Amino acid sequence: MTTASARQPGGMRPWRFVVWFGTVSLRADFVYEGARSITGPLLASLGASALVVGVVTRAGEAAALGLRLVRARWRTALAASGGWRSPDTR
């Protein structure tokens, strides 16, 4: 039972937004996992040895982890200074 008064003016309905966001997330996950799965074969087709493939793959994962740690420290310092409020501390 949808009436004009139940709809939000100028925006998406909540369930439509959830389905849309889930679809975008699913597609992004397909792209991310697909790119990760072809890294080794791509490097091998370019003539890289198994050692190079492993080093490059692990270096990328280590860089991503390092950036997460730096970002977490930056966010914590910014929150402690009062420059940013976490959604958890309302």
N, C-alpha and C. Protein backbone atom coordinates (compact mmCIF):
# COMPACT_ATOMS: atom_id res chain seq x y z
N MET A 1 0.84 -1.17 0.00
CA MET A 1 0.00 0.00 0.00
C MET A 1 0.88 1.23 0.00
N THR A 2 1.16 1.73 -1.18
CA THR A 2 2.00 2.90 -1.32
C THR A 2 1.14 4.09 -1.69
N THR A 3 1.23 5.10 -0.91
CA THR A 3 0.50 6.32 -1.21
C THR A 3 1.50 7.44 -1.45
N ALA A 4 1.00 8.51 -1.98
CA ALA A 4 1.88 9.64 -2.27
C ALA A 4 2.45 10.23 -0.98
N SER A 5 1.70 10.15 0.11
CA SER A 5 2.19 10.72 1.36
C SER A 5 3.28 9.86 2.00
N ALA A 6 3.34 8.55 1.65
CA ALA A 6 4.35 7.67 2.23
C ALA A 6 5.70 7.80 1.54
N ARG A 7 5.71 8.33 0.35
CA ARG A 7 6.97 8.49 -0.38
C ARG A 7 7.73 9.70 0.13
N GLN A 8 9.03 9.59 0.05
CA GLN A 8 9.86 10.73 0.45
C GLN A 8 9.99 11.68 -0.73
N PRO A 9 9.76 12.96 -0.51
CA PRO A 9 9.83 13.89 -1.63
C PRO A 9 11.27 14.07 -2.11
N GLY A 10 11.47 13.96 -3.41
CA GLY A 10 12.76 14.24 -4.01
C GLY A 10 13.85 13.21 -3.74
N GLY A 11 13.51 12.04 -3.23
CA GLY A 11 14.55 11.06 -2.94
C GLY A 11 14.08 9.65 -3.21
N MET A 12 14.97 8.72 -2.96
CA MET A 12 14.65 7.31 -3.15
C MET A 12 13.97 6.77 -1.90
N ARG A 13 13.14 5.78 -2.09
CA ARG A 13 12.57 5.08 -0.95
C ARG A 13 13.66 4.23 -0.33
N PRO A 14 13.56 3.95 0.96
CA PRO A 14 14.65 3.24 1.65
C PRO A 14 14.99 1.89 1.04
N TRP A 15 14.01 1.06 0.69
CA TRP A 15 14.33 -0.26 0.15
C TRP A 15 14.96 -0.17 -1.22
N ARG A 16 14.53 0.79 -1.98
CA ARG A 16 15.14 0.97 -3.31
C ARG A 16 16.61 1.36 -3.16
N PHE A 17 16.89 2.22 -2.20
CA PHE A 17 18.28 2.60 -1.95
C PHE A 17 19.12 1.41 -1.50
N VAL A 18 18.57 0.58 -0.61
CA VAL A 18 19.31 -0.59 -0.11
C VAL A 18 19.61 -1.55 -1.26
N VAL A 19 18.64 -1.80 -2.12
CA VAL A 19 18.84 -2.69 -3.26
C VAL A 19 19.86 -2.09 -4.22
N TRP A 20 19.76 -0.80 -4.50
CA TRP A 20 20.70 -0.12 -5.38
C TRP A 20 22.11 -0.19 -4.82
N PHE A 21 22.27 0.10 -3.53
CA PHE A 21 23.59 0.08 -2.90
C PHE A 21 24.17 -1.33 -2.90
N GLY A 22 23.34 -2.32 -2.64
CA GLY A 22 23.79 -3.71 -2.68
C GLY A 22 24.25 -4.12 -4.07
N THR A 23 23.55 -3.67 -5.10
CA THR A 23 23.92 -3.98 -6.47
C THR A 23 25.26 -3.35 -6.83
N VAL A 24 25.45 -2.11 -6.43
CA VAL A 24 26.72 -1.43 -6.69
C VAL A 24 27.84 -2.14 -5.95
N SER A 25 27.60 -2.53 -4.71
CA SER A 25 28.61 -3.23 -3.92
C SER A 25 28.96 -4.58 -4.55
N LEU A 26 27.97 -5.30 -5.03
CA LEU A 26 28.21 -6.59 -5.67
C LEU A 26 29.06 -6.43 -6.93
N ARG A 27 28.74 -5.45 -7.73
CA ARG A 27 29.51 -5.22 -8.95
C ARG A 27 30.94 -4.80 -8.64
N ALA A 28 31.11 -3.96 -7.64
CA ALA A 28 32.46 -3.55 -7.25
C ALA A 28 33.26 -4.75 -6.75
N ASP A 29 32.61 -5.65 -6.03
CA ASP A 29 33.28 -6.84 -5.54
C ASP A 29 33.69 -7.75 -6.69
N PHE A 30 32.84 -7.88 -7.70
CA PHE A 30 33.19 -8.67 -8.88
C PHE A 30 34.44 -8.10 -9.56
N VAL A 31 34.48 -6.79 -9.71
CA VAL A 31 35.63 -6.16 -10.37
C VAL A 31 36.90 -6.37 -9.54
N TYR A 32 36.79 -6.14 -8.23
CA TYR A 32 37.95 -6.27 -7.35
C TYR A 32 38.49 -7.70 -7.34
N GLU A 33 37.61 -8.65 -7.13
CA GLU A 33 38.04 -10.05 -7.08
C GLU A 33 38.53 -10.54 -8.44
N GLY A 34 37.91 -10.05 -9.51
CA GLY A 34 38.37 -10.42 -10.84
C GLY A 34 39.77 -9.90 -11.12
N ALA A 35 40.03 -8.66 -10.70
CA ALA A 35 41.36 -8.09 -10.89
C ALA A 35 42.40 -8.84 -10.06
N ARG A 36 42.03 -9.23 -8.85
CA ARG A 36 42.97 -9.97 -8.01
C ARG A 36 43.25 -11.35 -8.59
N SER A 37 42.26 -11.96 -9.21
CA SER A 37 42.45 -13.32 -9.72
C SER A 37 43.30 -13.37 -10.98
N ILE A 38 43.39 -12.27 -11.74
CA ILE A 38 44.18 -12.31 -12.96
C ILE A 38 45.57 -11.70 -12.79
N THR A 39 45.90 -11.22 -11.61
CA THR A 39 47.22 -10.60 -11.42
C THR A 39 48.34 -11.58 -11.70
N GLY A 40 48.26 -12.78 -11.12
CA GLY A 40 49.30 -13.78 -11.33
C GLY A 40 49.45 -14.20 -12.77
N PRO A 41 48.37 -14.64 -13.43
CA PRO A 41 48.48 -15.02 -14.84
C PRO A 41 48.94 -13.87 -15.74
N LEU A 42 48.53 -12.65 -15.43
CA LEU A 42 48.96 -11.51 -16.24
C LEU A 42 50.47 -11.31 -16.12
N LEU A 43 50.98 -11.33 -14.89
CA LEU A 43 52.42 -11.18 -14.70
C LEU A 43 53.18 -12.34 -15.33
N ALA A 44 52.63 -13.55 -15.22
CA ALA A 44 53.28 -14.71 -15.82
C ALA A 44 53.32 -14.59 -17.35
N SER A 45 52.25 -14.07 -17.94
CA SER A 45 52.24 -13.90 -19.40
C SER A 45 53.23 -12.84 -19.85
N LEU A 46 53.58 -11.95 -18.94
CA LEU A 46 54.59 -10.93 -19.25
C LEU A 46 56.01 -11.44 -19.00
N GLY A 47 56.11 -12.70 -18.56
CA GLY A 47 57.42 -13.30 -18.38
C GLY A 47 57.94 -13.27 -16.95
N ALA A 48 57.11 -12.97 -16.00
CA ALA A 48 57.55 -12.91 -14.60
C ALA A 48 57.62 -14.32 -14.02
N SER A 49 58.58 -14.52 -13.14
CA SER A 49 58.71 -15.82 -12.48
C SER A 49 57.70 -15.90 -11.34
N ALA A 50 57.58 -17.09 -10.77
CA ALA A 50 56.66 -17.27 -9.64
C ALA A 50 57.08 -16.42 -8.46
N LEU A 51 58.37 -16.24 -8.27
CA LEU A 51 58.87 -15.41 -7.17
C LEU A 51 58.45 -13.96 -7.36
N VAL A 52 58.57 -13.45 -8.56
CA VAL A 52 58.18 -12.06 -8.84
C VAL A 52 56.68 -11.88 -8.65
N VAL A 53 55.89 -12.84 -9.13
CA VAL A 53 54.44 -12.76 -8.96
C VAL A 53 54.09 -12.71 -7.48
N GLY A 54 54.70 -13.57 -6.68
CA GLY A 54 54.43 -13.58 -5.24
C GLY A 54 54.85 -12.30 -4.56
N VAL A 55 56.02 -11.79 -4.91
CA VAL A 55 56.52 -10.56 -4.29
C VAL A 55 55.63 -9.37 -4.65
N VAL A 56 55.26 -9.26 -5.91
CA VAL A 56 54.42 -8.14 -6.34
C VAL A 56 53.05 -8.22 -5.67
N THR A 57 52.47 -9.40 -5.61
CA THR A 57 51.16 -9.57 -4.99
C THR A 57 51.20 -9.22 -3.51
N ARG A 58 52.19 -9.75 -2.81
CA ARG A 58 52.30 -9.48 -1.37
C ARG A 58 52.65 -8.02 -1.09
N ALA A 59 53.46 -7.42 -1.95
CA ALA A 59 53.80 -6.00 -1.76
C ALA A 59 52.56 -5.12 -1.89
N GLY A 60 51.69 -5.46 -2.84
CA GLY A 60 50.44 -4.71 -2.98
C GLY A 60 49.54 -4.85 -1.78
N GLU A 61 49.44 -6.07 -1.24
CA GLU A 61 48.62 -6.28 -0.05
C GLU A 61 49.23 -5.59 1.16
N ALA A 62 50.56 -5.59 1.27
CA ALA A 62 51.22 -4.92 2.38
C ALA A 62 51.02 -3.40 2.30
N ALA A 63 51.08 -2.85 1.09
CA ALA A 63 50.84 -1.42 0.92
C ALA A 63 49.42 -1.05 1.32
N ALA A 64 48.46 -1.88 0.95
CA ALA A 64 47.07 -1.61 1.32
C ALA A 64 46.89 -1.66 2.83
N LEU A 65 47.52 -2.64 3.47
CA LEU A 65 47.44 -2.73 4.93
C LEU A 65 48.10 -1.53 5.58
N GLY A 66 49.25 -1.13 5.08
CA GLY A 66 49.95 0.03 5.63
C GLY A 66 49.11 1.30 5.51
N LEU A 67 48.46 1.48 4.37
CA LEU A 67 47.61 2.66 4.21
C LEU A 67 46.42 2.62 5.16
N ARG A 68 45.87 1.44 5.42
CA ARG A 68 44.78 1.33 6.39
C ARG A 68 45.25 1.73 7.79
N LEU A 69 46.45 1.29 8.16
CA LEU A 69 46.97 1.64 9.47
C LEU A 69 47.23 3.14 9.60
N VAL A 70 47.81 3.72 8.57
CA VAL A 70 48.08 5.17 8.58
C VAL A 70 46.77 5.94 8.66
N ARG A 71 45.79 5.53 7.89
CA ARG A 71 44.50 6.21 7.90
C ARG A 71 43.81 6.08 9.26
N ALA A 72 43.92 4.91 9.88
CA ALA A 72 43.31 4.72 11.20
C ALA A 72 43.96 5.62 12.24
N ARG A 73 45.28 5.74 12.20
CA ARG A 73 45.97 6.62 13.15
C ARG A 73 45.60 8.07 12.90
N TRP A 74 45.52 8.45 11.63
CA TRP A 74 45.16 9.82 11.29
C TRP A 74 43.74 10.14 11.77
N ARG A 75 42.84 9.20 11.55
CA ARG A 75 41.46 9.39 11.97
C ARG A 75 41.35 9.48 13.49
N THR A 76 42.10 8.63 14.20
CA THR A 76 42.09 8.67 15.66
C THR A 76 42.63 10.00 16.17
N ALA A 77 43.73 10.47 15.59
CA ALA A 77 44.31 11.75 16.01
C ALA A 77 43.37 12.91 15.70
N LEU A 78 42.73 12.87 14.57
CA LEU A 78 41.80 13.93 14.20
C LEU A 78 40.59 13.92 15.12
N ALA A 79 40.10 12.75 15.48
CA ALA A 79 38.96 12.65 16.39
C ALA A 79 39.33 13.13 17.79
N ALA A 80 40.55 12.82 18.23
CA ALA A 80 40.99 13.24 19.56
C ALA A 80 41.14 14.76 19.64
N SER A 81 41.49 15.39 18.53
CA SER A 81 41.66 16.84 18.53
C SER A 81 40.32 17.57 18.40
N GLY A 82 39.27 16.84 18.14
CA GLY A 82 37.95 17.45 18.01
C GLY A 82 37.64 17.90 16.60
N GLY A 83 38.52 17.60 15.66
CA GLY A 83 38.33 18.03 14.28
C GLY A 83 37.37 17.14 13.50
N TRP A 84 37.10 15.96 14.03
CA TRP A 84 36.20 15.05 13.34
C TRP A 84 35.44 14.24 14.37
N ARG A 85 34.15 14.12 14.18
CA ARG A 85 33.33 13.35 15.11
C ARG A 85 32.95 12.03 14.48
N SER A 86 33.24 10.96 15.18
CA SER A 86 32.88 9.65 14.71
C SER A 86 31.36 9.47 14.81
N PRO A 87 30.75 8.74 13.89
CA PRO A 87 29.32 8.47 14.00
C PRO A 87 28.97 7.68 15.27
N ASP A 88 29.97 7.01 15.86
CA ASP A 88 29.74 6.24 17.07
C ASP A 88 29.60 7.11 18.31
N THR A 89 30.10 8.34 18.26
CA THR A 89 30.10 9.21 19.45
C THR A 89 29.11 10.35 19.31
N ARG A 90 27.88 10.01 19.13
CA ARG A 90 26.84 11.07 19.01
C ARG A 90 26.33 11.48 20.35
